[in-house]
Protein backbone atom coordinates (compact mmCIF):
# COMPACT_ATOMS: atom_id res chain seq x y z
CA MET A 1 -0.66 0.33 0.26
CA ARG A 2 0.93 3.50 -0.96
CA LEU A 3 -1.47 5.65 0.59
CA LEU A 4 -1.13 9.58 0.32
CA ILE A 5 -2.45 11.67 3.44
CA ALA A 6 -3.86 14.82 2.12
CA THR A 7 -4.16 17.39 5.42
CA ASP A 8 -4.22 21.11 5.87
CA ALA A 9 -3.39 21.24 9.55
CA TRP A 10 0.42 20.57 9.90
CA HIS A 11 3.12 21.65 11.44
CA PRO A 12 4.05 24.82 12.91
CA GLN A 13 0.62 24.01 14.32
CA VAL A 14 -0.09 21.91 17.42
CA ASN A 15 -2.89 19.82 17.48
CA GLY A 16 -4.72 17.06 17.70
CA VAL A 17 -4.82 16.28 13.69
CA VAL A 18 -1.28 17.32 13.25
CA ARG A 19 -0.35 14.46 16.10
CA SER A 20 -2.60 11.76 14.57
CA ILE A 21 -1.50 12.09 11.29
CA GLU A 22 2.65 11.98 12.82
CA ARG A 23 1.65 8.40 14.96
CA MET A 24 -0.73 6.95 11.57
CA THR A 25 2.58 7.06 9.67
CA GLU A 26 4.80 6.26 12.50
CA ALA A 27 2.51 3.46 12.60
CA GLY A 28 2.43 2.43 8.95
CA ALA A 29 6.18 2.62 8.31
CA GLY A 30 6.08 -0.74 10.61
CA LEU A 31 3.72 -2.30 9.12
CA GLY A 32 6.02 -1.87 5.39
CA ILE A 33 2.90 0.59 4.44
CA GLU A 34 4.35 3.63 2.67
CA THR A 35 2.81 7.20 2.93
CA VAL A 36 3.60 10.52 1.39
CA LEU A 37 2.23 13.67 2.74
CA LEU A 38 0.88 16.58 0.98
CA THR A 39 0.65 19.81 3.27
CA PRO A 40 1.27 23.06 3.26
CA ALA A 41 4.39 22.48 3.20
CA ASP A 42 4.22 21.62 -0.16
CA PHE A 43 2.33 24.71 -1.52
CA ALA A 44 2.62 28.63 -1.42
CA SER A 45 0.16 29.77 1.73
CA LEU A 46 -1.75 32.48 3.07
CA PRO A 47 -1.77 32.73 6.75
CA MET A 48 -5.87 32.63 7.90
CA PRO A 49 -6.75 36.01 9.20
CA GLY A 50 -7.20 36.24 12.69
CA TYR A 51 -4.75 32.96 13.30
CA ALA A 52 -1.36 33.33 11.16
CA GLU A 53 -0.46 29.84 12.53
CA ILE A 54 -2.82 28.43 10.25
CA ARG A 55 -1.34 28.25 6.63
CA LEU A 56 -4.37 28.59 3.66
CA SER A 57 -2.71 26.72 0.88
CA LEU A 58 -3.14 27.96 -3.34
CA VAL A 59 -3.84 24.73 -4.11
CA THR A 60 -5.76 24.02 -7.21
CA LYS A 61 -7.54 20.28 -8.22
CA GLY A 62 -5.09 20.96 -12.01
CA ARG A 63 -2.17 21.06 -9.45
CA VAL A 64 -2.50 17.39 -7.45
CA LEU A 65 -3.42 16.13 -10.84
CA ALA A 66 -0.41 17.81 -12.34
CA ARG A 67 1.59 15.46 -9.43
CA TRP A 68 -0.26 13.05 -9.18
CA ASP A 69 1.84 10.55 -11.46
CA ARG A 70 4.63 10.95 -8.75
CA LEU A 71 2.87 10.04 -5.34
CA ALA A 72 1.35 7.35 -7.18
CA PRO A 73 -0.71 6.68 -3.92
CA THR A 74 -2.51 3.06 -4.02
CA HIS A 75 -5.07 4.44 -1.66
CA VAL A 76 -6.12 8.07 -0.59
CA HIS A 77 -7.15 10.21 3.33
CA ILE A 78 -8.26 13.23 3.15
CA ALA A 79 -7.88 14.40 7.13
CA THR A 80 -9.61 17.58 6.32
CA GLU A 81 -11.84 19.86 4.63
CA GLY A 82 -9.38 22.62 3.30
CA PRO A 83 -7.89 23.86 0.18
CA ILE A 84 -6.17 20.96 0.07
CA GLY A 85 -8.89 18.11 1.10
CA HIS A 86 -10.91 19.39 -1.09
CA ALA A 87 -8.20 20.00 -4.10
CA VAL A 88 -7.23 16.48 -3.04
CA ARG A 89 -11.18 15.15 -3.51
CA GLY A 90 -11.98 17.13 -6.52
CA ALA A 91 -8.60 15.05 -8.32
CA CYS A 92 -9.33 11.39 -7.06
CA LEU A 93 -13.48 12.46 -8.48
CA ARG A 94 -11.41 13.17 -12.02
CA LEU A 95 -9.13 10.30 -11.51
CA GLY A 96 -12.37 7.64 -10.13
CA GLN A 97 -9.61 6.90 -7.52
CA PRO A 98 -11.71 5.43 -4.09
CA PHE A 99 -10.94 7.97 -0.58
CA THR A 100 -11.75 7.77 2.48
CA THR A 101 -11.89 11.21 4.77
CA SER A 102 -11.82 11.90 8.75
CA TYR A 103 -14.43 14.47 10.98
CA HIS A 104 -11.71 15.84 13.33
CA THR A 105 -12.79 19.40 13.60
CA ARG A 106 -16.12 21.00 14.06
CA PHE A 107 -15.96 23.85 11.06
CA PRO A 108 -19.65 24.80 11.21
CA GLU A 109 -19.48 25.93 15.59
CA TYR A 110 -16.37 27.21 14.61
CA LEU A 111 -17.19 29.83 11.76
CA ALA A 112 -20.03 30.70 13.91
CA ALA A 113 -17.83 31.38 16.59
CA ARG A 114 -16.20 34.46 14.48
CA ALA A 115 -18.80 35.19 12.02
CA PRO A 116 -22.30 34.89 10.97
CA VAL A 117 -22.65 32.08 9.02
CA PRO A 118 -25.76 29.69 10.12
CA GLU A 119 -24.00 26.18 11.14
CA ALA A 120 -26.63 24.57 9.18
CA TRP A 121 -25.04 25.67 6.02
CA SER A 122 -22.07 24.75 7.23
CA TYR A 123 -22.86 20.99 8.01
CA ALA A 124 -24.91 20.84 4.42
CA TRP A 125 -21.57 21.81 2.41
CA LEU A 126 -19.70 18.64 4.93
CA ARG A 127 -22.18 16.42 4.30
CA ARG A 128 -21.41 16.58 0.24
CA PHE A 129 -17.50 17.30 0.94
CA HIS A 130 -17.33 13.75 2.53
CA ALA A 131 -20.56 11.82 0.99
CA ALA A 132 -18.03 11.80 -2.06
CA GLY A 133 -15.67 9.42 -0.10
CA SER A 134 -16.25 5.69 0.31
CA GLY A 135 -16.00 6.46 3.95
CA THR A 136 -16.04 8.79 7.06
CA MET A 137 -13.71 8.35 10.65
CA VAL A 138 -15.17 9.27 13.62
CA SER A 139 -12.96 9.45 16.74
CA THR A 140 -15.94 8.89 19.66
CA PRO A 141 -19.63 6.57 19.32
CA SER A 142 -21.41 10.02 20.95
CA LEU A 143 -20.06 11.71 17.26
CA GLU A 144 -21.08 9.25 14.81
CA ARG A 145 -24.63 9.33 16.21
CA GLU A 146 -24.85 12.87 15.78
CA LEU A 147 -23.39 13.13 12.35
CA ALA A 148 -25.86 10.31 11.71
CA GLY A 149 -28.37 12.21 12.93
CA ARG A 150 -27.22 15.47 10.27
CA GLY A 151 -27.33 13.60 7.39
CA PHE A 152 -24.16 11.42 7.22
CA THR A 153 -23.20 8.39 6.12
CA GLY A 154 -20.60 5.80 5.51
CA LEU A 155 -19.34 6.28 9.04
CA MET A 156 -16.11 4.66 10.82
CA ARG A 157 -14.62 4.47 13.60
CA TRP A 158 -10.90 5.33 14.37
CA THR A 159 -10.40 6.28 18.21
CA ARG A 160 -7.08 7.90 19.73
CA GLY A 161 -4.13 6.33 21.70
CA VAL A 162 -1.59 7.95 23.75
CA ASP A 163 2.09 7.45 25.01
CA THR A 164 2.02 6.22 28.06
CA ASP A 165 5.87 6.35 28.57
CA LEU A 166 6.25 9.70 28.23
CA PHE A 167 2.68 11.00 30.00
CA ARG A 168 2.96 8.83 32.78
CA PRO A 169 2.80 9.83 37.12
CA ARG A 170 5.78 10.98 38.28
CA ASP A 171 7.44 12.31 41.98
CA ASP A 172 8.95 15.98 40.76
CA SER A 173 6.77 18.50 40.99
CA ALA A 174 6.55 21.14 37.96
CA PHE A 175 4.91 23.73 40.18
CA PRO A 176 7.16 23.94 43.53
CA GLY A 177 6.07 26.89 45.56
CA LEU A 178 2.39 27.40 43.54
CA PRO A 179 -0.79 26.91 46.02
CA ARG A 180 -2.69 23.67 45.58
CA PRO A 181 -4.81 22.17 44.21
CA ILE A 182 -3.58 22.96 40.98
CA PHE A 183 -6.39 23.49 37.94
CA LEU A 184 -4.96 22.51 34.68
CA SER A 185 -6.27 23.34 31.41
CA VAL A 186 -3.71 22.25 27.94
CA GLY A 187 -5.22 23.09 24.58
CA ARG A 188 -5.57 26.11 21.77
CA LEU A 189 -5.70 29.07 22.64
CA ALA A 190 -9.00 30.11 20.71
CA VAL A 191 -12.01 31.51 21.26
CA GLU A 192 -13.61 28.34 20.85
CA LYS A 193 -11.62 25.99 23.09
CA ASN A 194 -14.32 27.80 25.63
CA LEU A 195 -11.24 28.29 28.60
CA SER A 196 -13.01 31.54 29.58
CA ALA A 197 -15.34 29.18 31.21
CA PHE A 198 -12.40 27.58 32.91
CA LEU A 199 -10.59 31.28 34.07
CA ASP A 200 -14.61 32.18 35.27
CA LEU A 201 -14.46 29.55 38.08
CA ASP A 202 -14.12 30.15 40.93
CA LEU A 203 -11.69 27.80 42.61
CA PRO A 204 -9.24 27.11 45.37
CA GLY A 205 -5.48 26.91 44.16
CA SER A 206 -3.96 28.08 41.11
CA LYS A 207 -4.83 27.95 37.53
CA VAL A 208 -2.86 26.79 34.67
CA VAL A 209 -2.95 27.12 31.33
CA VAL A 210 -0.65 25.19 28.92
CA GLY A 211 -1.25 26.34 25.06
CA ASP A 212 -0.72 29.42 22.48
CA GLY A 213 -3.04 31.14 19.76
CA PRO A 214 -4.46 33.91 18.90
CA ASP A 215 -7.12 34.50 22.26
CA ARG A 216 -4.02 34.37 24.57
CA ALA A 217 -3.61 38.46 25.02
CA ARG A 218 -7.57 38.73 26.05
CA LEU A 219 -7.61 35.12 28.28
CA GLN A 220 -4.60 36.93 30.08
CA ALA A 221 -6.25 40.56 30.72
CA MET A 222 -9.51 38.97 32.20
CA ALA A 223 -7.44 36.26 34.57
CA PRO A 224 -4.26 38.31 35.89
CA ASP A 225 -3.86 35.40 38.34
CA ALA A 226 -3.84 32.58 36.52
CA HIS A 227 -0.54 31.18 35.07
CA PHE A 228 -0.16 30.97 31.35
CA LEU A 229 2.87 28.84 30.16
CA GLY A 230 2.40 29.08 27.02
CA ALA A 231 2.97 26.48 24.10
CA LEU A 232 4.88 22.71 25.86
CA THR A 233 6.19 19.85 24.18
CA GLY A 234 7.66 16.37 25.30
CA GLU A 235 9.22 15.95 28.46
CA ALA A 236 8.22 19.67 29.84
CA LEU A 237 4.64 19.17 28.70
CA ALA A 238 4.16 15.95 30.12
CA ARG A 239 6.07 16.99 33.71
CA ALA A 240 2.85 19.79 33.83
CA TYR A 241 0.58 17.12 33.65
CA ALA A 242 1.76 15.11 35.71
CA GLY A 243 2.12 17.95 38.03
CA ALA A 244 -1.64 19.20 38.24
CA ASP A 245 -3.94 17.74 40.43
CA ALA A 246 -7.21 17.66 38.51
CA PHE A 247 -7.11 18.74 34.57
CA VAL A 248 -10.44 21.16 33.38
CA PHE A 249 -11.72 20.60 29.70
CA PRO A 250 -13.72 23.40 29.19
CA SER A 251 -14.42 22.76 25.21
CA LEU A 252 -18.06 21.78 24.41
CA THR A 253 -16.93 21.43 20.41
CA ASP A 254 -14.01 19.77 20.34
CA THR A 255 -14.74 15.86 18.87
CA PHE A 256 -12.58 13.87 21.31
CA GLY A 257 -9.93 15.62 23.17
CA ILE A 258 -6.39 13.88 23.32
CA VAL A 259 -5.20 16.10 26.05
CA LEU A 260 -7.99 13.86 28.10
CA LEU A 261 -5.83 10.68 27.20
CA GLU A 262 -2.33 12.20 28.30
CA ALA A 263 -3.61 13.95 31.60
CA LEU A 264 -4.72 10.14 32.65
CA ALA A 265 -2.11 8.67 31.58
CA SER A 266 -0.55 11.41 33.63
CA GLY A 267 -2.76 10.43 36.69
CA VAL A 268 -4.55 13.12 36.55
CA PRO A 269 -8.21 12.94 36.75
CA VAL A 270 -10.83 14.75 34.45
CA ALA A 271 -13.58 18.08 34.93
CA ALA A 272 -15.29 18.86 31.85
CA PHE A 273 -18.66 19.25 30.70
CA PRO A 274 -20.65 16.65 29.55
CA VAL A 275 -20.47 16.49 25.98
CA THR A 276 -18.88 14.80 23.23
CA GLY A 277 -15.00 13.78 23.61
CA PRO A 278 -15.61 13.53 27.32
CA LEU A 279 -18.18 11.80 27.36
CA ASP A 280 -16.99 8.97 25.43
CA VAL A 281 -13.48 9.20 27.25
CA ILE A 282 -14.05 9.69 30.80
CA GLY A 283 -18.02 8.52 30.80
CA GLU A 284 -19.01 6.64 34.33
CA THR A 285 -15.46 5.11 34.14
CA GLY A 286 -14.68 6.74 37.08
CA ALA A 287 -11.63 8.97 36.24
CA GLY A 288 -13.10 11.93 36.53
CA ALA A 289 -16.29 13.85 37.08
CA LEU A 290 -18.38 15.41 34.00
CA ASP A 291 -21.15 17.56 35.13
CA THR A 292 -23.13 21.12 33.29
CA ASP A 293 -21.29 23.11 36.50
CA LEU A 294 -17.67 23.01 35.65
CA ARG A 295 -16.87 24.06 39.26
CA ALA A 296 -18.21 21.39 40.57
CA ALA A 297 -17.39 18.56 38.12
CA ALA A 298 -13.53 20.51 38.75
CA LEU A 299 -13.99 19.81 42.53
CA ALA A 300 -15.43 16.48 42.38
CA ALA A 301 -12.04 15.43 40.44
CA LEU A 302 -9.78 16.49 43.25
CA ASN A 303 -10.92 13.19 44.92
CA VAL A 304 -10.62 10.69 42.52
CA PRO A 305 -7.70 8.17 42.91
CA ARG A 306 -4.38 8.79 40.69
CA VAL A 307 -4.46 5.25 39.99
CA ARG A 308 -8.15 4.80 38.33
CA CYS A 309 -6.93 7.92 36.09
CA ARG A 310 -3.81 5.86 34.43
CA GLN A 311 -5.82 2.20 34.69
CA GLU A 312 -8.31 4.05 32.21
CA ALA A 313 -5.33 5.34 30.09
CA LEU A 314 -3.76 2.13 29.46
CA ARG A 315 -6.44 1.16 27.36
CA TYR A 316 -6.07 3.55 24.03
CA THR A 317 -3.13 2.96 22.51
CA TRP A 318 -1.76 4.36 19.26
CA ALA A 319 -1.12 0.70 17.86
CA GLU A 320 -5.04 -0.17 17.87
CA SER A 321 -5.71 3.65 16.87
CA ALA A 322 -3.72 2.64 13.88
CA ASN A 323 -4.78 -0.72 13.60
CA GLN A 324 -8.30 0.94 13.19
CA PHE A 325 -7.50 3.07 10.30
CA PHE A 326 -5.81 1.71 8.20
CA ASP A 327 -8.16 -1.34 8.31
CA ASN A 328 -10.71 1.32 7.75
CA ILE A 329 -8.74 2.69 4.48
CA VAL A 330 -8.42 -0.98 3.31
CA LEU A 331 -12.28 -1.85 4.03
CA ALA A 332 -13.68 1.23 2.53
CA HIS A 333 -11.26 1.01 -0.96
CA ALA A 334 -12.81 -2.56 -1.51
CA VAL A 335 -16.28 -1.76 -1.49
CA GLY A 336 -16.19 1.78 -3.02
CA PRO A 337 -17.99 4.85 -2.39
CA MET A 338 -21.38 4.07 -3.56
CA HIS A 339 -21.34 0.64 -1.42
CA ALA A 340 -20.05 2.76 1.46
CA ARG A 341 -22.32 5.47 1.22
CA ARG A 342 -25.55 2.56 2.13
CA ARG A 343 -23.47 1.48 5.62
CA VAL A 344 -22.75 2.82 8.33
CA ALA A 345 -20.06 0.86 10.31
CA THR A 346 -17.92 0.75 13.32
CA GLY A 347 -14.21 0.34 13.29
CA GLY A 348 -15.03 -1.43 10.12
CA ARG A 349 -17.74 -3.66 10.39
CA ILE A 350 -20.50 -3.84 7.88
CA ASP A 351 -23.47 -3.93 9.19
CA GLU A 352 -25.49 -6.89 9.68
CA GLY A 353 -28.75 -4.94 7.12
CA ASP A 354 -26.14 -4.73 4.25
CA ALA A 355 -25.40 -7.46 1.73
CA ALA A 356 -21.59 -7.35 0.87
CA PRO A 357 -20.51 -6.56 -2.48
CA PRO A 358 -19.58 -9.20 -5.13
CA ASP A 359 -15.82 -8.77 -4.27
CA LEU A 360 -15.66 -8.70 -0.87
CA THR A 361 -17.14 -11.02 1.83
CA GLY A 362 -16.06 -10.03 4.93
CA ARG A 363 -13.56 -7.73 7.22
CA GLU A 364 -11.39 -11.01 6.75
CA GLU A 365 -11.16 -10.08 3.61
CA ALA A 366 -10.14 -6.91 3.56
CA GLU A 367 -8.35 -7.43 5.88
CA GLY A 368 -6.35 -9.88 4.28
CA LYS A 369 -5.56 -6.90 1.20
CA ARG A 370 -3.78 -4.47 4.31
CA PHE A 371 -0.29 -4.15 2.59
CA ALA A 372 -1.43 -4.99 -0.65
């Protein structure tokens, strides 16, 4: 297999989309799968207005087609619905090349937070974008149900993982001298992340924010007593997680939240709203507290045993994530777009009510073609 992954999200962005693609590329190499990427680094680009970290590529379907022979993919996955994703989608449709997509980001909600664009219009466009593919990967059961209710079809499950060697409980404190308890939030500092809901809380101890983004100046001005550390990676980020007493996740729009897994792997309980992402990762596991009252959730999280958090995180591995990802790609490629649009699959399994196409008698046959 030579897999082309098209993504508008790439370095220097730090987010779950970039991290997931990196992990799948690494895992693919270990499975004998060759991965090629089309990213903003491959084209001239302009900074997104108000969010310079995000680059909008100056790319067309014709420019993608011009380099198709050099890319020579046997399989295609479109990770984002931006300029690159749109151009590769057009190229695939022109060539009759099956492709999968993934739904990472709630663009309708993000756009509505910045401009007077009705969410219904954005969702209509996204349905059309994804319906052209052979399957759309989603990260959680609740997101799958939500999108199915909005008319999306061909949904396939693709979970996420966490590096439990890097993110682990540690004895040393990353925050010496700060009053306890320490409530930590990690993520992009942008309006859609709802950080104001965390910073507005009346909590004991200290609030620590890790991350950067276009909303940082406003957030720092509204919460001068909070500690803003900027973007951290690697060991510095892992130590920040492990040094917290509770992880507060105020987002109402994330589709998963890899940061939830990183906190749990570090032995830190999660406090969040009962929405997509937290409902799926935390739910009834006892590894955190979900409440429409975020302050109540944050205080309740302090009583969660840290060992329970670590145990829950160990259930999520990047190896299993990669197995789902590549199995979905093989299956969707085998059944083709017209078949995939008539099914809602979970982890690549075809619903019993659907008859298998002539060239596919079940998941086992598709898995046997994984490395073709």
